[in-house]
């Protein structure tokens, strides 16, 4: 973990490193909660574990963490952003870890409950697949944020693949499912591989934000919270006066 000397001015630190020493902006927080929590975890993980063949163990493994994460996300939406900036970093890290776990569980449920596979080979391959990505993301992120001269144009083909996958999912996922997957004799197995692949996106998020939290604790003097603008302060004061009058 890179320890930046306290005497170094923040303006002399590269942007890609200062980005890890900052909280998440309020607009991004809402995006994380609405898309990654409500849609990609709640929507895409809960439905497969309650549809087709129901298995209580898989259902509980998914529903408990997703409900807790959802409640946490709702509380963040209801509270003042400027008072939850550090907490939000923990929320997004949890979002990545829980998302990866839930996608893994759904993938196993599709194979072993819906597809009724008996071999443990898929479970072992899935674990090795996840461990390989965790190792790759960890070394990549720690290397990137320990290098002051990191080249922004440096190609990272696994991450480019994840970006393409995320871009194509909403636009072509529906057509792909109905034309190539639905009614296919290996439908459940194909869907399980898709879920396992999408889980790598959450692995990246989890590793990135765990590093971000540790990086901030390692370099606390270089961490900067967002401060409300004058316009936001005036709006808050006006709202307070209005509430008093009411």
C-alpha atoms as a PDB file:
ATOM      1  CA  UNK A   1       0.000   0.000   0.000  1.00  0.00           C
ATOM      2  CA  UNK A   2       1.443   3.369  -1.078  1.00  0.00           C
ATOM      3  CA  UNK A   3       2.129   5.751   1.824  1.00  0.00           C
ATOM      4  CA  UNK A   4       2.368   9.324   0.549  1.00  0.00           C
ATOM      5  CA  UNK A   5       4.541  11.642   2.595  1.00  0.00           C
ATOM      6  CA  UNK A   6       2.470  14.214   4.506  1.00  0.00           C
ATOM      7  CA  UNK A   7       4.726  16.995   3.211  1.00  0.00           C
ATOM      8  CA  UNK A   8       3.702  16.321  -0.401  1.00  0.00           C
ATOM      9  CA  UNK A   9       1.131  18.830  -1.644  1.00  0.00           C
ATOM     10  CA  UNK A  10      -2.093  17.313  -2.943  1.00  0.00           C
ATOM     11  CA  UNK A  11      -1.755  19.264  -6.202  1.00  0.00           C
ATOM     12  CA  UNK A  12       1.479  17.360  -6.899  1.00  0.00           C
ATOM     13  CA  UNK A  13      -0.275  13.999  -6.608  1.00  0.00           C
ATOM     14  CA  UNK A  14      -1.522  12.508  -9.929  1.00  0.00           C
ATOM     15  CA  UNK A  15      -5.271  12.597 -10.557  1.00  0.00           C
ATOM     16  CA  UNK A  16      -5.645   8.824 -10.687  1.00  0.00           C
ATOM     17  CA  UNK A  17      -4.301   8.629  -7.120  1.00  0.00           C
ATOM     18  CA  UNK A  18      -6.265  11.570  -5.697  1.00  0.00           C
ATOM     19  CA  UNK A  19      -9.411   9.926  -7.085  1.00  0.00           C
ATOM     20  CA  UNK A  20      -8.789   7.139  -4.570  1.00  0.00           C
ATOM     21  CA  UNK A  21      -8.418   9.729  -1.819  1.00  0.00           C
ATOM     22  CA  UNK A  22     -11.850  11.279  -2.362  1.00  0.00           C
ATOM     23  CA  UNK A  23     -15.424  10.250  -1.525  1.00  0.00           C
ATOM     24  CA  UNK A  24     -18.020   9.396  -4.156  1.00  0.00           C
ATOM     25  CA  UNK A  25     -20.029  12.305  -5.546  1.00  0.00           C
ATOM     26  CA  UNK A  26     -23.709  12.541  -4.633  1.00  0.00           C
ATOM     27  CA  UNK A  27     -24.916  11.860  -8.194  1.00  0.00           C
ATOM     28  CA  UNK A  28     -22.755   8.742  -8.385  1.00  0.00           C
ATOM     29  CA  UNK A  29     -24.111   7.504  -5.064  1.00  0.00           C
ATOM     30  CA  UNK A  30     -27.652   7.537  -6.437  1.00  0.00           C
ATOM     31  CA  UNK A  31     -26.464   5.700  -9.553  1.00  0.00           C
ATOM     32  CA  UNK A  32     -24.812   3.011  -7.439  1.00  0.00           C
ATOM     33  CA  UNK A  33     -27.921   2.474  -5.351  1.00  0.00           C
ATOM     34  CA  UNK A  34     -30.518   2.540  -8.135  1.00  0.00           C
ATOM     35  CA  UNK A  35     -28.593   0.541 -10.743  1.00  0.00           C
ATOM     36  CA  UNK A  36     -26.141  -1.711  -8.906  1.00  0.00           C
ATOM     37  CA  UNK A  37     -28.219  -2.376  -5.769  1.00  0.00           C
ATOM     38  CA  UNK A  38     -31.891  -2.153  -6.752  1.00  0.00           C
ATOM     39  CA  UNK A  39     -31.573  -3.400 -10.344  1.00  0.00           C
ATOM     40  CA  UNK A  40     -28.501  -5.618 -10.683  1.00  0.00           C
ATOM     41  CA  UNK A  41     -28.601  -7.230  -7.236  1.00  0.00           C
ATOM     42  CA  UNK A  42     -32.239  -7.076  -6.082  1.00  0.00           C
ATOM     43  CA  UNK A  43     -33.805  -7.470  -9.518  1.00  0.00           C
ATOM     44  CA  UNK A  44     -31.439  -9.897 -11.219  1.00  0.00           C
ATOM     45  CA  UNK A  45     -30.567 -12.088  -8.230  1.00  0.00           C
ATOM     46  CA  UNK A  46     -33.810 -12.467  -6.302  1.00  0.00           C
ATOM     47  CA  UNK A  47     -35.945 -13.522  -9.287  1.00  0.00           C
ATOM     48  CA  UNK A  48     -33.828 -16.608 -10.266  1.00  0.00           C
ATOM     49  CA  UNK A  49     -33.755 -17.976  -6.707  1.00  0.00           C
ATOM     50  CA  UNK A  50     -37.544 -17.837  -6.304  1.00  0.00           C
ATOM     51  CA  UNK A  51     -38.495 -18.994  -9.814  1.00  0.00           C
ATOM     52  CA  UNK A  52     -38.579 -22.510 -11.289  1.00  0.00           C
ATOM     53  CA  UNK A  53     -37.429 -25.022  -8.671  1.00  0.00           C
ATOM     54  CA  UNK A  54     -37.369 -23.387  -5.248  1.00  0.00           C
ATOM     55  CA  UNK A  55     -34.485 -24.241  -2.899  1.00  0.00           C
ATOM     56  CA  UNK A  56     -34.635 -22.730   0.579  1.00  0.00           C
ATOM     57  CA  UNK A  57     -30.877 -22.737   1.155  1.00  0.00           C
ATOM     58  CA  UNK A  58     -30.108 -20.772  -2.025  1.00  0.00           C
ATOM     59  CA  UNK A  59     -33.034 -18.431  -1.339  1.00  0.00           C
ATOM     60  CA  UNK A  60     -31.821 -17.550   2.164  1.00  0.00           C
ATOM     61  CA  UNK A  61     -28.230 -17.164   0.980  1.00  0.00           C
ATOM     62  CA  UNK A  62     -29.361 -14.463  -1.469  1.00  0.00           C
ATOM     63  CA  UNK A  63     -32.324 -12.810   0.255  1.00  0.00           C
ATOM     64  CA  UNK A  64     -30.669 -12.053   3.615  1.00  0.00           C
ATOM     65  CA  UNK A  65     -27.673 -10.035   2.316  1.00  0.00           C
ATOM     66  CA  UNK A  66     -29.716  -8.334  -0.425  1.00  0.00           C
ATOM     67  CA  UNK A  67     -32.409  -7.173   2.018  1.00  0.00           C
ATOM     68  CA  UNK A  68     -29.802  -5.810   4.441  1.00  0.00           C
ATOM     69  CA  UNK A  69     -27.973  -4.054   1.592  1.00  0.00           C
ATOM     70  CA  UNK A  70     -31.222  -2.611   0.237  1.00  0.00           C
ATOM     71  CA  UNK A  71     -32.234  -1.231   3.632  1.00  0.00           C
ATOM     72  CA  UNK A  72     -28.779   0.324   3.971  1.00  0.00           C
ATOM     73  CA  UNK A  73     -29.103   1.894   0.511  1.00  0.00           C
ATOM     74  CA  UNK A  74     -32.517   3.345   1.304  1.00  0.00           C
ATOM     75  CA  UNK A  75     -31.196   4.915   4.521  1.00  0.00           C
ATOM     76  CA  UNK A  76     -28.368   6.536   2.546  1.00  0.00           C
ATOM     77  CA  UNK A  77     -30.887   8.012   0.104  1.00  0.00           C
ATOM     78  CA  UNK A  78     -32.922   9.446   2.982  1.00  0.00           C
ATOM     79  CA  UNK A  79     -29.979  11.031   4.814  1.00  0.00           C
ATOM     80  CA  UNK A  80     -27.863  14.084   4.075  1.00  0.00           C
ATOM     81  CA  UNK A  81     -25.133  13.182   1.591  1.00  0.00           C
ATOM     82  CA  UNK A  82     -22.451  15.312   3.247  1.00  0.00           C
ATOM     83  CA  UNK A  83     -22.807  13.398   6.521  1.00  0.00           C
ATOM     84  CA  UNK A  84     -22.506   9.959   4.884  1.00  0.00           C
ATOM     85  CA  UNK A  85     -19.535  10.403   2.558  1.00  0.00           C
ATOM     86  CA  UNK A  86     -17.238   7.941   4.335  1.00  0.00           C
ATOM     87  CA  UNK A  87     -20.088   5.509   5.037  1.00  0.00           C
ATOM     88  CA  UNK A  88     -20.911   5.495   1.323  1.00  0.00           C
ATOM     89  CA  UNK A  89     -17.465   4.076   0.552  1.00  0.00           C
ATOM     90  CA  UNK A  90     -18.200   1.158   2.890  1.00  0.00           C
ATOM     91  CA  UNK A  91     -21.610   0.730   1.254  1.00  0.00           C
ATOM     92  CA  UNK A  92     -20.155   0.472  -2.253  1.00  0.00           C
ATOM     93  CA  UNK A  93     -17.478  -1.968  -1.062  1.00  0.00           C
ATOM     94  CA  UNK A  94     -20.260  -4.072   0.509  1.00  0.00           C
ATOM     95  CA  UNK A  95     -22.239  -3.691  -2.728  1.00  0.00           C
ATOM     96  CA  UNK A  96     -19.360  -5.262  -4.659  1.00  0.00           C
ATOM     97  CA  UNK A  97     -18.768  -8.098  -2.192  1.00  0.00           C
ATOM     98  CA  UNK A  98     -22.457  -8.967  -1.747  1.00  0.00           C
ATOM     99  CA  UNK A  99     -23.111  -8.614  -5.484  1.00  0.00           C
ATOM    100  CA  UNK A 100     -20.287 -11.028  -6.342  1.00  0.00           C
ATOM    101  CA  UNK A 101     -21.512 -13.479  -3.690  1.00  0.00           C
ATOM    102  CA  UNK A 102     -25.139 -13.349  -4.865  1.00  0.00           C
ATOM    103  CA  UNK A 103     -24.239 -13.798  -8.533  1.00  0.00           C
ATOM    104  CA  UNK A 104     -22.099 -16.786  -7.531  1.00  0.00           C
ATOM    105  CA  UNK A 105     -24.984 -18.330  -5.553  1.00  0.00           C
ATOM    106  CA  UNK A 106     -27.472 -17.765  -8.401  1.00  0.00           C
ATOM    107  CA  UNK A 107     -25.027 -19.364 -10.829  1.00  0.00           C
ATOM    108  CA  UNK A 108     -24.741 -22.460  -8.615  1.00  0.00           C
ATOM    109  CA  UNK A 109     -28.512 -22.629  -8.132  1.00  0.00           C
ATOM    110  CA  UNK A 110     -29.124 -22.576 -11.879  1.00  0.00           C
ATOM    111  CA  UNK A 111     -26.731 -25.498 -12.393  1.00  0.00           C
ATOM    112  CA  UNK A 112     -27.418 -27.693  -9.384  1.00  0.00           C
ATOM    113  CA  UNK A 113     -31.136 -27.072  -8.790  1.00  0.00           C
ATOM    114  CA  UNK A 114     -32.628 -26.027 -12.143  1.00  0.00           C
ATOM    115  CA  UNK A 115     -30.237 -27.917 -14.463  1.00  0.00           C
ATOM    116  CA  UNK A 116     -29.895 -30.729 -11.861  1.00  0.00           C
ATOM    117  CA  UNK A 117     -26.199 -31.328 -12.452  1.00  0.00           C
ATOM    118  CA  UNK A 118     -24.573 -33.799 -10.082  1.00  0.00           C
ATOM    119  CA  UNK A 119     -20.859 -33.264 -10.671  1.00  0.00           C
ATOM    120  CA  UNK A 120     -19.006 -30.859  -8.373  1.00  0.00           C
ATOM    121  CA  UNK A 121     -16.773 -29.812 -11.263  1.00  0.00           C
ATOM    122  CA  UNK A 122     -18.761 -26.634 -11.999  1.00  0.00           C
ATOM    123  CA  UNK A 123     -18.535 -25.499  -8.362  1.00  0.00           C
ATOM    124  CA  UNK A 124     -14.776 -26.056  -8.290  1.00  0.00           C
ATOM    125  CA  UNK A 125     -14.284 -24.287 -11.637  1.00  0.00           C
ATOM    126  CA  UNK A 126     -16.462 -21.390 -10.438  1.00  0.00           C
ATOM    127  CA  UNK A 127     -14.381 -20.972  -7.264  1.00  0.00           C
ATOM    128  CA  UNK A 128     -11.139 -21.037  -9.238  1.00  0.00           C
ATOM    129  CA  UNK A 129     -12.626 -18.568 -11.738  1.00  0.00           C
ATOM    130  CA  UNK A 130     -13.486 -16.103  -8.964  1.00  0.00           C
ATOM    131  CA  UNK A 131     -10.169 -16.581  -7.146  1.00  0.00           C
ATOM    132  CA  UNK A 132      -8.288 -15.934 -10.387  1.00  0.00           C
ATOM    133  CA  UNK A 133     -10.149 -12.657 -10.968  1.00  0.00           C
ATOM    134  CA  UNK A 134      -9.661 -11.572  -7.350  1.00  0.00           C
ATOM    135  CA  UNK A 135      -5.918 -12.182  -7.641  1.00  0.00           C
ATOM    136  CA  UNK A 136      -5.776 -10.317 -10.959  1.00  0.00           C
ATOM    137  CA  UNK A 137      -7.801  -7.306  -9.754  1.00  0.00           C
ATOM    138  CA  UNK A 138      -5.829  -7.099  -6.508  1.00  0.00           C
ATOM    139  CA  UNK A 139      -2.413  -6.988  -8.167  1.00  0.00           C
ATOM    140  CA  UNK A 140      -3.664  -4.620 -10.885  1.00  0.00           C
ATOM    141  CA  UNK A 141      -5.264  -2.118  -8.470  1.00  0.00           C
ATOM    142  CA  UNK A 142      -2.415  -2.148  -5.937  1.00  0.00           C
ATOM    143  CA  UNK A 143       0.088  -1.667  -8.765  1.00  0.00           C
ATOM    144  CA  UNK A 144      -1.915   1.125 -10.381  1.00  0.00           C
ATOM    145  CA  UNK A 145      -2.326   3.189  -7.212  1.00  0.00           C
ATOM    146  CA  UNK A 146       1.260   2.702  -6.099  1.00  0.00           C
ATOM    147  CA  UNK A 147       2.647   4.165  -9.333  1.00  0.00           C
ATOM    148  CA  UNK A 148       2.796   7.958  -9.641  1.00  0.00           C
ATOM    149  CA  UNK A 149       3.615   7.626 -13.347  1.00  0.00           C
ATOM    150  CA  UNK A 150       0.809   5.243 -14.283  1.00  0.00           C
ATOM    151  CA  UNK A 151       0.009   5.631 -17.965  1.00  0.00           C
ATOM    152  CA  UNK A 152      -3.701   6.358 -18.500  1.00  0.00           C
ATOM    153  CA  UNK A 153      -3.583   4.947 -22.009  1.00  0.00           C
ATOM    154  CA  UNK A 154      -2.290   1.597 -20.808  1.00  0.00           C
ATOM    155  CA  UNK A 155      -4.657  -1.069 -22.095  1.00  0.00           C
ATOM    156  CA  UNK A 156      -6.268  -3.425 -19.619  1.00  0.00           C
ATOM    157  CA  UNK A 157      -7.981  -6.017 -21.771  1.00  0.00           C
ATOM    158  CA  UNK A 158      -9.871  -7.916 -19.004  1.00  0.00           C
ATOM    159  CA  UNK A 159     -11.388  -4.643 -17.776  1.00  0.00           C
ATOM    160  CA  UNK A 160     -12.205  -3.596 -21.344  1.00  0.00           C
ATOM    161  CA  UNK A 161     -14.044  -6.904 -21.708  1.00  0.00           C
ATOM    162  CA  UNK A 162     -16.089  -6.166 -18.577  1.00  0.00           C
ATOM    163  CA  UNK A 163     -16.999  -2.706 -19.876  1.00  0.00           C
ATOM    164  CA  UNK A 164     -18.160  -4.172 -23.209  1.00  0.00           C
ATOM    165  CA  UNK A 165     -20.152  -6.842 -21.376  1.00  0.00           C
ATOM    166  CA  UNK A 166     -21.880  -4.242 -19.217  1.00  0.00           C
ATOM    167  CA  UNK A 167     -22.596  -2.067 -22.268  1.00  0.00           C
ATOM    168  CA  UNK A 168     -24.080  -4.926 -24.310  1.00  0.00           C
ATOM    169  CA  UNK A 169     -26.149  -6.436 -21.493  1.00  0.00           C
ATOM    170  CA  UNK A 170     -29.031  -3.917 -21.437  1.00  0.00           C
ATOM    171  CA  UNK A 171     -29.162  -3.392 -25.208  1.00  0.00           C
ATOM    172  CA  UNK A 172     -28.792  -6.971 -26.449  1.00  0.00           C
ATOM    173  CA  UNK A 173     -29.396  -9.169 -23.400  1.00  0.00           C
ATOM    174  CA  UNK A 174     -33.141  -9.502 -23.993  1.00  0.00           C
ATOM    175  CA  UNK A 175     -32.732 -10.469 -27.670  1.00  0.00           C
ATOM    176  CA  UNK A 176     -29.859 -12.845 -26.882  1.00  0.00           C
ATOM    177  CA  UNK A 177     -31.949 -14.643 -24.281  1.00  0.00           C
ATOM    178  CA  UNK A 178     -35.054 -15.064 -26.446  1.00  0.00           C
ATOM    179  CA  UNK A 179     -33.261 -16.048 -29.666  1.00  0.00           C
ATOM    180  CA  UNK A 180     -30.358 -18.145 -28.347  1.00  0.00           C
ATOM    181  CA  UNK A 181     -31.018 -19.181 -24.757  1.00  0.00           C
ATOM    182  CA  UNK A 182     -34.755 -19.610 -24.166  1.00  0.00           C
ATOM    183  CA  UNK A 183     -35.949 -23.209 -24.728  1.00  0.00           C
ATOM    184  CA  UNK A 184     -32.359 -24.321 -25.301  1.00  0.00           C
ATOM    185  CA  UNK A 185     -31.745 -27.689 -23.576  1.00  0.00           C
ATOM    186  CA  UNK A 186     -28.780 -26.057 -21.810  1.00  0.00           C
ATOM    187  CA  UNK A 187     -30.665 -22.857 -20.939  1.00  0.00           C
ATOM    188  CA  UNK A 188     -29.940 -23.001 -17.195  1.00  0.00           C
ATOM    189  CA  UNK A 189     -26.284 -23.816 -17.747  1.00  0.00           C
ATOM    190  CA  UNK A 190     -25.821 -20.926 -20.221  1.00  0.00           C
ATOM    191  CA  UNK A 191     -27.526 -18.508 -17.824  1.00  0.00           C
ATOM    192  CA  UNK A 192     -25.322 -19.711 -14.983  1.00  0.00           C
ATOM    193  CA  UNK A 193     -22.188 -18.905 -16.986  1.00  0.00           C
ATOM    194  CA  UNK A 194     -23.590 -15.435 -17.760  1.00  0.00           C
ATOM    195  CA  UNK A 195     -24.270 -14.819 -14.067  1.00  0.00           C
ATOM    196  CA  UNK A 196     -20.823 -16.028 -13.104  1.00  0.00           C
ATOM    197  CA  UNK A 197     -19.270 -13.714 -15.697  1.00  0.00           C
ATOM    198  CA  UNK A 198     -21.280 -10.705 -14.508  1.00  0.00           C
ATOM    199  CA  UNK A 199     -20.158 -11.462 -10.964  1.00  0.00           C
ATOM    200  CA  UNK A 200     -16.621 -10.462 -11.975  1.00  0.00           C
ATOM    201  CA  UNK A 201     -17.835  -6.863 -12.333  1.00  0.00           C
ATOM    202  CA  UNK A 202     -18.831  -6.883  -8.658  1.00  0.00           C
ATOM    203  CA  UNK A 203     -15.525  -8.524  -7.749  1.00  0.00           C
ATOM    204  CA  UNK A 204     -13.739  -5.578  -9.341  1.00  0.00           C
ATOM    205  CA  UNK A 205     -15.940  -3.083  -7.483  1.00  0.00           C
ATOM    206  CA  UNK A 206     -15.347  -4.885  -4.182  1.00  0.00           C
ATOM    207  CA  UNK A 207     -11.562  -5.039  -4.571  1.00  0.00           C
ATOM    208  CA  UNK A 208     -11.379  -1.424  -5.814  1.00  0.00           C
ATOM    209  CA  UNK A 209     -13.337   0.014  -2.892  1.00  0.00           C
ATOM    210  CA  UNK A 210     -11.682  -2.143  -0.239  1.00  0.00           C
ATOM    211  CA  UNK A 211      -8.393  -0.755  -1.563  1.00  0.00           C
ATOM    212  CA  UNK A 212      -9.867   2.757  -1.557  1.00  0.00           C
ATOM    213  CA  UNK A 213     -10.846   2.509   2.106  1.00  0.00           C
ATOM    214  CA  UNK A 214      -7.436   1.115   3.104  1.00  0.00           C
ATOM    215  CA  UNK A 215      -5.713   3.753   0.944  1.00  0.00           C
ATOM    216  CA  UNK A 216      -7.590   6.552   2.716  1.00  0.00           C
ATOM    217  CA  UNK A 217      -6.710   5.164   6.155  1.00  0.00           C
ATOM    218  CA  UNK A 218      -3.075   4.903   5.060  1.00  0.00           C
ATOM    219  CA  UNK A 219      -3.039   8.527   3.808  1.00  0.00           C
ATOM    220  CA  UNK A 220      -5.606  10.373   5.991  1.00  0.00           C
ATOM    221  CA  UNK A 221      -3.982  13.816   5.581  1.00  0.00           C
ATOM    222  CA  UNK A 222      -4.537  13.688   1.802  1.00  0.00           C
ATOM    223  CA  UNK A 223      -8.207  12.687   2.026  1.00  0.00           C
ATOM    224  CA  UNK A 224     -10.713  15.437   1.171  1.00  0.00           C
ATOM    225  CA  UNK A 225     -14.453  15.430   1.842  1.00  0.00           C
ATOM    226  CA  UNK A 226     -16.850  17.207  -0.502  1.00  0.00           C
ATOM    227  CA  UNK A 227     -18.052  20.509   0.948  1.00  0.00           C
ATOM    228  CA  UNK A 228     -21.528  21.892   0.147  1.00  0.00           C
ATOM    229  CA  UNK A 229     -21.533  24.750  -2.352  1.00  0.00           C
ATOM    230  CA  UNK A 230     -22.826  28.218  -1.436  1.00  0.00           C
ATOM    231  CA  UNK A 231     -25.962  27.541  -3.432  1.00  0.00           C
ATOM    232  CA  UNK A 232     -26.630  24.322  -1.502  1.00  0.00           C
ATOM    233  CA  UNK A 233     -26.023  26.097   1.824  1.00  0.00           C
ATOM    234  CA  UNK A 234     -28.488  28.851   0.891  1.00  0.00           C
ATOM    235  CA  UNK A 235     -31.065  26.277  -0.209  1.00  0.00           C
ATOM    236  CA  UNK A 236     -30.674  24.408   3.098  1.00  0.00           C
ATOM    237  CA  UNK A 237     -31.010  27.637   5.099  1.00  0.00           C
ATOM    238  CA  UNK A 238     -34.105  28.644   3.122  1.00  0.00           C
ATOM    239  CA  UNK A 239     -35.637  25.222   3.670  1.00  0.00           C
ATOM    240  CA  UNK A 240     -34.895  25.481   7.410  1.00  0.00           C
ATOM    241  CA  UNK A 241     -36.583  28.866   7.666  1.00  0.00           C
ATOM    242  CA  UNK A 242     -39.582  27.570   5.754  1.00  0.00           C
ATOM    243  CA  UNK A 243     -39.912  24.585   8.086  1.00  0.00           C
ATOM    244  CA  UNK A 244     -39.773  26.883  11.138  1.00  0.00           C
ATOM    245  CA  UNK A 245     -42.524  29.079   9.714  1.00  0.00           C
ATOM    246  CA  UNK A 246     -44.622  26.033   8.906  1.00  0.00           C
END
